[in-house]
mmCIF file of all heavy atoms, coordinates in Angstrom:
data_MODEL
# 
_entry.id   MODEL 
# 
loop_
_atom_site.group_PDB 
_atom_site.id 
_atom_site.type_symbol 
_atom_site.label_atom_id 
_atom_site.label_alt_id 
_atom_site.label_comp_id 
_atom_site.label_asym_id 
_atom_site.label_entity_id 
_atom_site.label_seq_id 
_atom_site.pdbx_PDB_ins_code 
_atom_site.Cartn_x 
_atom_site.Cartn_y 
_atom_site.Cartn_z 
_atom_site.occupancy 
_atom_site.B_iso_or_equiv 
_atom_site.pdbx_formal_charge 
_atom_site.auth_seq_id 
_atom_site.auth_comp_id 
_atom_site.auth_asym_id 
_atom_site.auth_atom_id 
_atom_site.pdbx_PDB_model_num 
ATOM 1   N N   . GLU A 1 1  ? -69.435 225.322 81.728 1.00 0.00 ? 1  GLU A N   1 
ATOM 2   C CA  . GLU A 1 1  ? -68.539 226.043 80.734 1.00 0.00 ? 1  GLU A CA  1 
ATOM 3   C C   . GLU A 1 1  ? -68.334 227.405 81.138 1.00 0.00 ? 1  GLU A C   1 
ATOM 4   O O   . GLU A 1 1  ? -67.185 227.907 81.032 1.00 0.00 ? 1  GLU A O   1 
ATOM 5   C CB  . GLU A 1 1  ? -69.430 226.148 79.365 1.00 0.00 ? 1  GLU A CB  1 
ATOM 6   C CG  . GLU A 1 1  ? -68.571 226.696 78.171 1.00 0.00 ? 1  GLU A CG  1 
ATOM 7   C CD  . GLU A 1 1  ? -69.363 226.653 76.859 1.00 0.00 ? 1  GLU A CD  1 
ATOM 8   O OE1 . GLU A 1 1  ? -69.547 225.528 76.250 1.00 0.00 ? 1  GLU A OE1 1 
ATOM 9   O OE2 . GLU A 1 1  ? -70.039 227.690 76.517 1.00 0.00 ? 1  GLU A OE2 1 
ATOM 10  N N   . LYS A 1 2  ? -69.289 228.134 81.721 1.00 0.00 ? 2  LYS A N   1 
ATOM 11  C CA  . LYS A 1 2  ? -69.000 229.512 82.290 1.00 0.00 ? 2  LYS A CA  1 
ATOM 12  C C   . LYS A 1 2  ? -68.056 229.390 83.378 1.00 0.00 ? 2  LYS A C   1 
ATOM 13  O O   . LYS A 1 2  ? -67.195 230.427 83.478 1.00 0.00 ? 2  LYS A O   1 
ATOM 14  C CB  . LYS A 1 2  ? -70.428 230.009 82.781 1.00 0.00 ? 2  LYS A CB  1 
ATOM 15  C CG  . LYS A 1 2  ? -70.391 231.450 83.267 1.00 0.00 ? 2  LYS A CG  1 
ATOM 16  C CD  . LYS A 1 2  ? -69.915 232.447 82.065 1.00 0.00 ? 2  LYS A CD  1 
ATOM 17  C CE  . LYS A 1 2  ? -69.934 233.928 82.505 1.00 0.00 ? 2  LYS A CE  1 
ATOM 18  N NZ  . LYS A 1 2  ? -69.489 234.725 81.404 1.00 0.00 ? 2  LYS A NZ  1 
ATOM 19  N N   . GLU A 1 3  ? -68.187 228.453 84.265 1.00 0.00 ? 3  GLU A N   1 
ATOM 20  C CA  . GLU A 1 3  ? -67.215 228.306 85.343 1.00 0.00 ? 3  GLU A CA  1 
ATOM 21  C C   . GLU A 1 3  ? -65.721 228.318 84.834 1.00 0.00 ? 3  GLU A C   1 
ATOM 22  O O   . GLU A 1 3  ? -64.858 228.925 85.329 1.00 0.00 ? 3  GLU A O   1 
ATOM 23  C CB  . GLU A 1 3  ? -67.521 227.228 86.298 1.00 0.00 ? 3  GLU A CB  1 
ATOM 24  C CG  . GLU A 1 3  ? -66.579 227.006 87.491 1.00 0.00 ? 3  GLU A CG  1 
ATOM 25  C CD  . GLU A 1 3  ? -66.864 225.872 88.289 1.00 0.00 ? 3  GLU A CD  1 
ATOM 26  O OE1 . GLU A 1 3  ? -67.574 224.863 87.720 1.00 0.00 ? 3  GLU A OE1 1 
ATOM 27  O OE2 . GLU A 1 3  ? -66.399 225.714 89.446 1.00 0.00 ? 3  GLU A OE2 1 
ATOM 28  N N   . ARG A 1 4  ? -65.619 227.401 83.808 1.00 0.00 ? 4  ARG A N   1 
ATOM 29  C CA  . ARG A 1 4  ? -64.280 227.147 83.300 1.00 0.00 ? 4  ARG A CA  1 
ATOM 30  C C   . ARG A 1 4  ? -63.781 228.429 82.568 1.00 0.00 ? 4  ARG A C   1 
ATOM 31  O O   . ARG A 1 4  ? -62.520 228.783 82.738 1.00 0.00 ? 4  ARG A O   1 
ATOM 32  C CB  . ARG A 1 4  ? -64.274 226.022 82.196 1.00 0.00 ? 4  ARG A CB  1 
ATOM 33  C CG  . ARG A 1 4  ? -62.909 225.595 81.562 1.00 0.00 ? 4  ARG A CG  1 
ATOM 34  C CD  . ARG A 1 4  ? -63.154 224.505 80.536 1.00 0.00 ? 4  ARG A CD  1 
ATOM 35  N NE  . ARG A 1 4  ? -64.077 224.921 79.533 1.00 0.00 ? 4  ARG A NE  1 
ATOM 36  C CZ  . ARG A 1 4  ? -64.450 223.922 78.622 1.00 0.00 ? 4  ARG A CZ  1 
ATOM 37  N NH1 . ARG A 1 4  ? -64.018 222.763 78.697 1.00 0.00 ? 4  ARG A NH1 1 
ATOM 38  N NH2 . ARG A 1 4  ? -65.282 224.345 77.629 1.00 0.00 ? 4  ARG A NH2 1 
ATOM 39  N N   . SER A 1 5  ? -64.686 229.261 81.958 1.00 0.00 ? 5  SER A N   1 
ATOM 40  C CA  . SER A 1 5  ? -64.243 230.515 81.335 1.00 0.00 ? 5  SER A CA  1 
ATOM 41  C C   . SER A 1 5  ? -63.792 231.480 82.431 1.00 0.00 ? 5  SER A C   1 
ATOM 42  O O   . SER A 1 5  ? -62.808 232.095 82.209 1.00 0.00 ? 5  SER A O   1 
ATOM 43  C CB  . SER A 1 5  ? -65.354 230.938 80.490 1.00 0.00 ? 5  SER A CB  1 
ATOM 44  O OG  . SER A 1 5  ? -65.121 232.309 79.921 1.00 0.00 ? 5  SER A OG  1 
ATOM 45  N N   . LEU A 1 6  ? -64.555 231.532 83.530 1.00 0.00 ? 6  LEU A N   1 
ATOM 46  C CA  . LEU A 1 6  ? -64.195 232.588 84.598 1.00 0.00 ? 6  LEU A CA  1 
ATOM 47  C C   . LEU A 1 6  ? -62.863 232.193 85.209 1.00 0.00 ? 6  LEU A C   1 
ATOM 48  O O   . LEU A 1 6  ? -62.155 233.080 85.539 1.00 0.00 ? 6  LEU A O   1 
ATOM 49  C CB  . LEU A 1 6  ? -65.358 232.583 85.594 1.00 0.00 ? 6  LEU A CB  1 
ATOM 50  C CG  . LEU A 1 6  ? -66.676 233.153 85.091 1.00 0.00 ? 6  LEU A CG  1 
ATOM 51  C CD1 . LEU A 1 6  ? -67.704 232.903 86.193 1.00 0.00 ? 6  LEU A CD1 1 
ATOM 52  C CD2 . LEU A 1 6  ? -66.446 234.635 84.830 1.00 0.00 ? 6  LEU A CD2 1 
ATOM 53  N N   . ILE A 1 7  ? -62.573 230.858 85.388 1.00 0.00 ? 7  ILE A N   1 
ATOM 54  C CA  . ILE A 1 7  ? -61.364 230.458 86.049 1.00 0.00 ? 7  ILE A CA  1 
ATOM 55  C C   . ILE A 1 7  ? -60.229 230.851 85.013 1.00 0.00 ? 7  ILE A C   1 
ATOM 56  O O   . ILE A 1 7  ? -59.197 231.367 85.621 1.00 0.00 ? 7  ILE A O   1 
ATOM 57  C CB  . ILE A 1 7  ? -61.317 228.985 86.265 1.00 0.00 ? 7  ILE A CB  1 
ATOM 58  C CG1 . ILE A 1 7  ? -62.330 228.541 87.469 1.00 0.00 ? 7  ILE A CG1 1 
ATOM 59  C CG2 . ILE A 1 7  ? -59.872 228.493 86.612 1.00 0.00 ? 7  ILE A CG2 1 
ATOM 60  C CD1 . ILE A 1 7  ? -62.491 227.168 87.625 1.00 0.00 ? 7  ILE A CD1 1 
ATOM 61  N N   . SER A 1 8  ? -60.358 230.699 83.926 1.00 0.00 ? 8  SER A N   1 
ATOM 62  C CA  . SER A 1 8  ? -59.263 230.979 82.849 1.00 0.00 ? 8  SER A CA  1 
ATOM 63  C C   . SER A 1 8  ? -59.112 232.451 82.920 1.00 0.00 ? 8  SER A C   1 
ATOM 64  O O   . SER A 1 8  ? -57.856 233.018 82.804 1.00 0.00 ? 8  SER A O   1 
ATOM 65  C CB  . SER A 1 8  ? -59.684 230.528 81.493 1.00 0.00 ? 8  SER A CB  1 
ATOM 66  O OG  . SER A 1 8  ? -58.694 230.869 80.430 1.00 0.00 ? 8  SER A OG  1 
ATOM 67  N N   . ALA A 1 9  ? -60.138 233.329 82.842 1.00 0.00 ? 9  ALA A N   1 
ATOM 68  C CA  . ALA A 1 9  ? -60.064 234.811 82.906 1.00 0.00 ? 9  ALA A CA  1 
ATOM 69  C C   . ALA A 1 9  ? -59.422 235.247 84.078 1.00 0.00 ? 9  ALA A C   1 
ATOM 70  O O   . ALA A 1 9  ? -58.546 236.206 84.051 1.00 0.00 ? 9  ALA A O   1 
ATOM 71  C CB  . ALA A 1 9  ? -61.522 235.379 82.667 1.00 0.00 ? 9  ALA A CB  1 
ATOM 72  N N   . ARG A 1 10 ? -59.724 234.786 85.262 1.00 0.00 ? 10 ARG A N   1 
ATOM 73  C CA  . ARG A 1 10 ? -59.114 235.151 86.522 1.00 0.00 ? 10 ARG A CA  1 
ATOM 74  C C   . ARG A 1 10 ? -57.552 234.866 86.499 1.00 0.00 ? 10 ARG A C   1 
ATOM 75  O O   . ARG A 1 10 ? -56.757 235.616 87.038 1.00 0.00 ? 10 ARG A O   1 
ATOM 76  C CB  . ARG A 1 10 ? -59.828 234.419 87.649 1.00 0.00 ? 10 ARG A CB  1 
ATOM 77  C CG  . ARG A 1 10 ? -61.196 235.070 87.979 1.00 0.00 ? 10 ARG A CG  1 
ATOM 78  C CD  . ARG A 1 10 ? -61.616 234.649 89.384 1.00 0.00 ? 10 ARG A CD  1 
ATOM 79  N NE  . ARG A 1 10 ? -61.884 233.166 89.487 1.00 0.00 ? 10 ARG A NE  1 
ATOM 80  C CZ  . ARG A 1 10 ? -62.992 232.586 89.224 1.00 0.00 ? 10 ARG A CZ  1 
ATOM 81  N NH1 . ARG A 1 10 ? -64.063 233.262 88.983 1.00 0.00 ? 10 ARG A NH1 1 
ATOM 82  N NH2 . ARG A 1 10 ? -62.976 231.346 89.474 1.00 0.00 ? 10 ARG A NH2 1 
ATOM 83  N N   . THR A 1 11 ? -57.242 233.673 86.036 1.00 0.00 ? 11 THR A N   1 
ATOM 84  C CA  . THR A 1 11 ? -55.842 233.374 85.913 1.00 0.00 ? 11 THR A CA  1 
ATOM 85  C C   . THR A 1 11 ? -55.081 234.287 85.091 1.00 0.00 ? 11 THR A C   1 
ATOM 86  O O   . THR A 1 11 ? -53.955 234.796 85.473 1.00 0.00 ? 11 THR A O   1 
ATOM 87  C CB  . THR A 1 11 ? -55.746 231.969 85.453 1.00 0.00 ? 11 THR A CB  1 
ATOM 88  O OG1 . THR A 1 11 ? -56.355 231.038 86.377 1.00 0.00 ? 11 THR A OG1 1 
ATOM 89  C CG2 . THR A 1 11 ? -54.170 231.456 85.340 1.00 0.00 ? 11 THR A CG2 1 
ATOM 90  N N   . ARG A 1 12 ? -55.576 234.639 83.956 1.00 0.00 ? 12 ARG A N   1 
ATOM 91  C CA  . ARG A 1 12 ? -54.893 235.664 82.988 1.00 0.00 ? 12 ARG A CA  1 
ATOM 92  C C   . ARG A 1 12 ? -54.773 236.902 83.620 1.00 0.00 ? 12 ARG A C   1 
ATOM 93  O O   . ARG A 1 12 ? -53.805 237.593 83.571 1.00 0.00 ? 12 ARG A O   1 
ATOM 94  C CB  . ARG A 1 12 ? -55.679 235.642 81.704 1.00 0.00 ? 12 ARG A CB  1 
ATOM 95  C CG  . ARG A 1 12 ? -55.535 234.365 80.824 1.00 0.00 ? 12 ARG A CG  1 
ATOM 96  C CD  . ARG A 1 12 ? -56.033 234.643 79.334 1.00 0.00 ? 12 ARG A CD  1 
ATOM 97  N NE  . ARG A 1 12 ? -57.296 235.233 79.254 1.00 0.00 ? 12 ARG A NE  1 
ATOM 98  C CZ  . ARG A 1 12 ? -58.357 234.426 79.099 1.00 0.00 ? 12 ARG A CZ  1 
ATOM 99  N NH1 . ARG A 1 12 ? -58.315 233.061 79.182 1.00 0.00 ? 12 ARG A NH1 1 
ATOM 100 N NH2 . ARG A 1 12 ? -59.563 234.915 79.111 1.00 0.00 ? 12 ARG A NH2 1 
ATOM 101 N N   . ALA A 1 13 ? -55.801 237.478 84.292 1.00 0.00 ? 13 ALA A N   1 
ATOM 102 C CA  . ALA A 1 13 ? -55.851 238.697 84.931 1.00 0.00 ? 13 ALA A CA  1 
ATOM 103 C C   . ALA A 1 13 ? -54.821 238.820 86.124 1.00 0.00 ? 13 ALA A C   1 
ATOM 104 O O   . ALA A 1 13 ? -54.086 239.772 86.236 1.00 0.00 ? 13 ALA A O   1 
ATOM 105 C CB  . ALA A 1 13 ? -57.239 239.004 85.479 1.00 0.00 ? 13 ALA A CB  1 
ATOM 106 N N   . ALA A 1 14 ? -54.784 237.682 86.813 1.00 0.00 ? 14 ALA A N   1 
ATOM 107 C CA  . ALA A 1 14 ? -53.760 237.631 87.964 1.00 0.00 ? 14 ALA A CA  1 
ATOM 108 C C   . ALA A 1 14 ? -52.409 237.741 87.332 1.00 0.00 ? 14 ALA A C   1 
ATOM 109 O O   . ALA A 1 14 ? -51.380 238.484 88.087 1.00 0.00 ? 14 ALA A O   1 
ATOM 110 C CB  . ALA A 1 14 ? -53.991 236.428 88.769 1.00 0.00 ? 14 ALA A CB  1 
ATOM 111 N N   . LEU A 1 15 ? -52.067 237.009 86.294 1.00 0.00 ? 15 LEU A N   1 
ATOM 112 C CA  . LEU A 1 15 ? -50.629 236.966 85.780 1.00 0.00 ? 15 LEU A CA  1 
ATOM 113 C C   . LEU A 1 15 ? -50.334 238.337 85.062 1.00 0.00 ? 15 LEU A C   1 
ATOM 114 O O   . LEU A 1 15 ? -49.239 238.850 85.203 1.00 0.00 ? 15 LEU A O   1 
ATOM 115 C CB  . LEU A 1 15 ? -50.551 235.929 84.687 1.00 0.00 ? 15 LEU A CB  1 
ATOM 116 C CG  . LEU A 1 15 ? -50.641 234.451 85.260 1.00 0.00 ? 15 LEU A CG  1 
ATOM 117 C CD1 . LEU A 1 15 ? -50.702 233.464 84.006 1.00 0.00 ? 15 LEU A CD1 1 
ATOM 118 C CD2 . LEU A 1 15 ? -49.394 234.147 86.126 1.00 0.00 ? 15 LEU A CD2 1 
ATOM 119 N N   . ALA A 1 16 ? -51.389 238.936 84.502 1.00 0.00 ? 16 ALA A N   1 
ATOM 120 C CA  . ALA A 1 16 ? -51.134 240.235 83.907 1.00 0.00 ? 16 ALA A CA  1 
ATOM 121 C C   . ALA A 1 16 ? -50.845 241.368 84.961 1.00 0.00 ? 16 ALA A C   1 
ATOM 122 O O   . ALA A 1 16 ? -49.996 242.150 84.897 1.00 0.00 ? 16 ALA A O   1 
ATOM 123 C CB  . ALA A 1 16 ? -52.363 240.736 83.036 1.00 0.00 ? 16 ALA A CB  1 
ATOM 124 N N   . ALA A 1 17 ? -51.555 241.249 86.144 1.00 0.00 ? 17 ALA A N   1 
ATOM 125 C CA  . ALA A 1 17 ? -51.383 242.209 87.265 1.00 0.00 ? 17 ALA A CA  1 
ATOM 126 C C   . ALA A 1 17 ? -49.979 242.028 87.808 1.00 0.00 ? 17 ALA A C   1 
ATOM 127 O O   . ALA A 1 17 ? -49.318 243.025 88.166 1.00 0.00 ? 17 ALA A O   1 
ATOM 128 C CB  . ALA A 1 17 ? -52.416 241.965 88.315 1.00 0.00 ? 17 ALA A CB  1 
ATOM 129 N N   . LYS A 1 18 ? -49.574 240.810 88.007 1.00 0.00 ? 18 LYS A N   1 
ATOM 130 C CA  . LYS A 1 18 ? -48.227 240.634 88.530 1.00 0.00 ? 18 LYS A CA  1 
ATOM 131 C C   . LYS A 1 18 ? -47.076 241.037 87.553 1.00 0.00 ? 18 LYS A C   1 
ATOM 132 O O   . LYS A 1 18 ? -46.183 241.728 88.018 1.00 0.00 ? 18 LYS A O   1 
ATOM 133 C CB  . LYS A 1 18 ? -47.939 239.086 88.742 1.00 0.00 ? 18 LYS A CB  1 
ATOM 134 C CG  . LYS A 1 18 ? -48.571 238.529 89.880 1.00 0.00 ? 18 LYS A CG  1 
ATOM 135 C CD  . LYS A 1 18 ? -48.218 237.080 90.119 1.00 0.00 ? 18 LYS A CD  1 
ATOM 136 C CE  . LYS A 1 18 ? -48.724 236.503 91.431 1.00 0.00 ? 18 LYS A CE  1 
ATOM 137 N NZ  . LYS A 1 18 ? -48.412 235.040 91.606 1.00 0.00 ? 18 LYS A NZ  1 
ATOM 138 N N   . LYS A 1 19 ? -47.273 240.904 86.302 1.00 0.00 ? 19 LYS A N   1 
ATOM 139 C CA  . LYS A 1 19 ? -46.349 241.380 85.273 1.00 0.00 ? 19 LYS A CA  1 
ATOM 140 C C   . LYS A 1 19 ? -46.371 242.925 85.259 1.00 0.00 ? 19 LYS A C   1 
ATOM 141 O O   . LYS A 1 19 ? -45.215 243.565 85.197 1.00 0.00 ? 19 LYS A O   1 
ATOM 142 C CB  . LYS A 1 19 ? -46.765 240.828 83.848 1.00 0.00 ? 19 LYS A CB  1 
ATOM 143 C CG  . LYS A 1 19 ? -45.733 241.100 82.747 1.00 0.00 ? 19 LYS A CG  1 
ATOM 144 C CD  . LYS A 1 19 ? -46.020 240.460 81.562 1.00 0.00 ? 19 LYS A CD  1 
ATOM 145 C CE  . LYS A 1 19 ? -44.983 240.685 80.530 1.00 0.00 ? 19 LYS A CE  1 
ATOM 146 N NZ  . LYS A 1 19 ? -45.251 239.993 79.152 1.00 0.00 ? 19 LYS A NZ  1 
ATOM 147 N N   . ALA A 1 20 ? -47.507 243.602 85.288 1.00 0.00 ? 20 ALA A N   1 
ATOM 148 C CA  . ALA A 1 20 ? -47.555 244.967 85.364 1.00 0.00 ? 20 ALA A CA  1 
ATOM 149 C C   . ALA A 1 20 ? -46.960 245.540 86.614 1.00 0.00 ? 20 ALA A C   1 
ATOM 150 O O   . ALA A 1 20 ? -46.364 246.653 86.508 1.00 0.00 ? 20 ALA A O   1 
ATOM 151 C CB  . ALA A 1 20 ? -49.092 245.427 85.218 1.00 0.00 ? 20 ALA A CB  1 
ATOM 152 N N   . GLY A 1 21 ? -46.862 244.846 87.754 1.00 0.00 ? 21 GLY A N   1 
ATOM 153 C CA  . GLY A 1 21 ? -46.273 245.236 88.836 1.00 0.00 ? 21 GLY A CA  1 
ATOM 154 C C   . GLY A 1 21 ? -44.823 245.043 88.888 1.00 0.00 ? 21 GLY A C   1 
ATOM 155 O O   . GLY A 1 21 ? -44.155 245.207 89.983 1.00 0.00 ? 21 GLY A O   1 
ATOM 156 N N   . GLY A 1 22 ? -44.248 244.608 87.961 1.00 0.00 ? 22 GLY A N   1 
ATOM 157 C CA  . GLY A 1 22 ? -42.825 244.370 87.751 1.00 0.00 ? 22 GLY A CA  1 
ATOM 158 C C   . GLY A 1 22 ? -42.377 242.984 88.165 1.00 0.00 ? 22 GLY A C   1 
ATOM 159 O O   . GLY A 1 22 ? -41.055 242.788 88.187 1.00 0.00 ? 22 GLY A O   1 
ATOM 160 N N   . ALA A 1 23 ? -43.189 242.041 88.449 1.00 0.00 ? 23 ALA A N   1 
ATOM 161 C CA  . ALA A 1 23 ? -42.785 240.743 88.758 1.00 0.00 ? 23 ALA A CA  1 
ATOM 162 C C   . ALA A 1 23 ? -42.350 239.997 87.538 1.00 0.00 ? 23 ALA A C   1 
ATOM 163 O O   . ALA A 1 23 ? -42.877 240.166 86.471 1.00 0.00 ? 23 ALA A O   1 
ATOM 164 C CB  . ALA A 1 23 ? -43.898 240.026 89.465 1.00 0.00 ? 23 ALA A CB  1 
ATOM 165 N N   . LYS A 1 24 ? -41.304 239.200 87.660 1.00 0.00 ? 24 LYS A N   1 
ATOM 166 C CA  . LYS A 1 24 ? -40.780 238.343 86.650 1.00 0.00 ? 24 LYS A CA  1 
ATOM 167 C C   . LYS A 1 24 ? -41.413 236.987 86.695 1.00 0.00 ? 24 LYS A C   1 
ATOM 168 O O   . LYS A 1 24 ? -41.223 236.349 87.646 1.00 0.00 ? 24 LYS A O   1 
ATOM 169 C CB  . LYS A 1 24 ? -39.273 238.320 86.633 1.00 0.00 ? 24 LYS A CB  1 
ATOM 170 C CG  . LYS A 1 24 ? -38.536 239.605 86.450 1.00 0.00 ? 24 LYS A CG  1 
ATOM 171 C CD  . LYS A 1 24 ? -36.989 239.429 86.437 1.00 0.00 ? 24 LYS A CD  1 
ATOM 172 C CE  . LYS A 1 24 ? -36.371 240.704 86.045 1.00 0.00 ? 24 LYS A CE  1 
ATOM 173 N NZ  . LYS A 1 24 ? -34.882 240.535 86.031 1.00 0.00 ? 24 LYS A NZ  1 
ATOM 174 N N   . LEU A 1 25 ? -42.276 236.636 85.705 1.00 0.00 ? 25 LEU A N   1 
ATOM 175 C CA  . LEU A 1 25 ? -42.829 235.374 85.688 1.00 0.00 ? 25 LEU A CA  1 
ATOM 176 C C   . LEU A 1 25 ? -41.833 234.340 85.204 1.00 0.00 ? 25 LEU A C   1 
ATOM 177 O O   . LEU A 1 25 ? -41.327 234.465 84.115 1.00 0.00 ? 25 LEU A O   1 
ATOM 178 C CB  . LEU A 1 25 ? -44.023 235.385 84.668 1.00 0.00 ? 25 LEU A CB  1 
ATOM 179 C CG  . LEU A 1 25 ? -45.087 236.522 84.981 1.00 0.00 ? 25 LEU A CG  1 
ATOM 180 C CD1 . LEU A 1 25 ? -46.194 236.522 84.069 1.00 0.00 ? 25 LEU A CD1 1 
ATOM 181 C CD2 . LEU A 1 25 ? -45.607 236.300 86.505 1.00 0.00 ? 25 LEU A CD2 1 
# 
């Protein structure tokens, strides 16, 4: 369960970083 939560959190963080850097998702 913890591993699944960490994977989800890392995915959200990576997408947020790309969006903050001006990337269009």
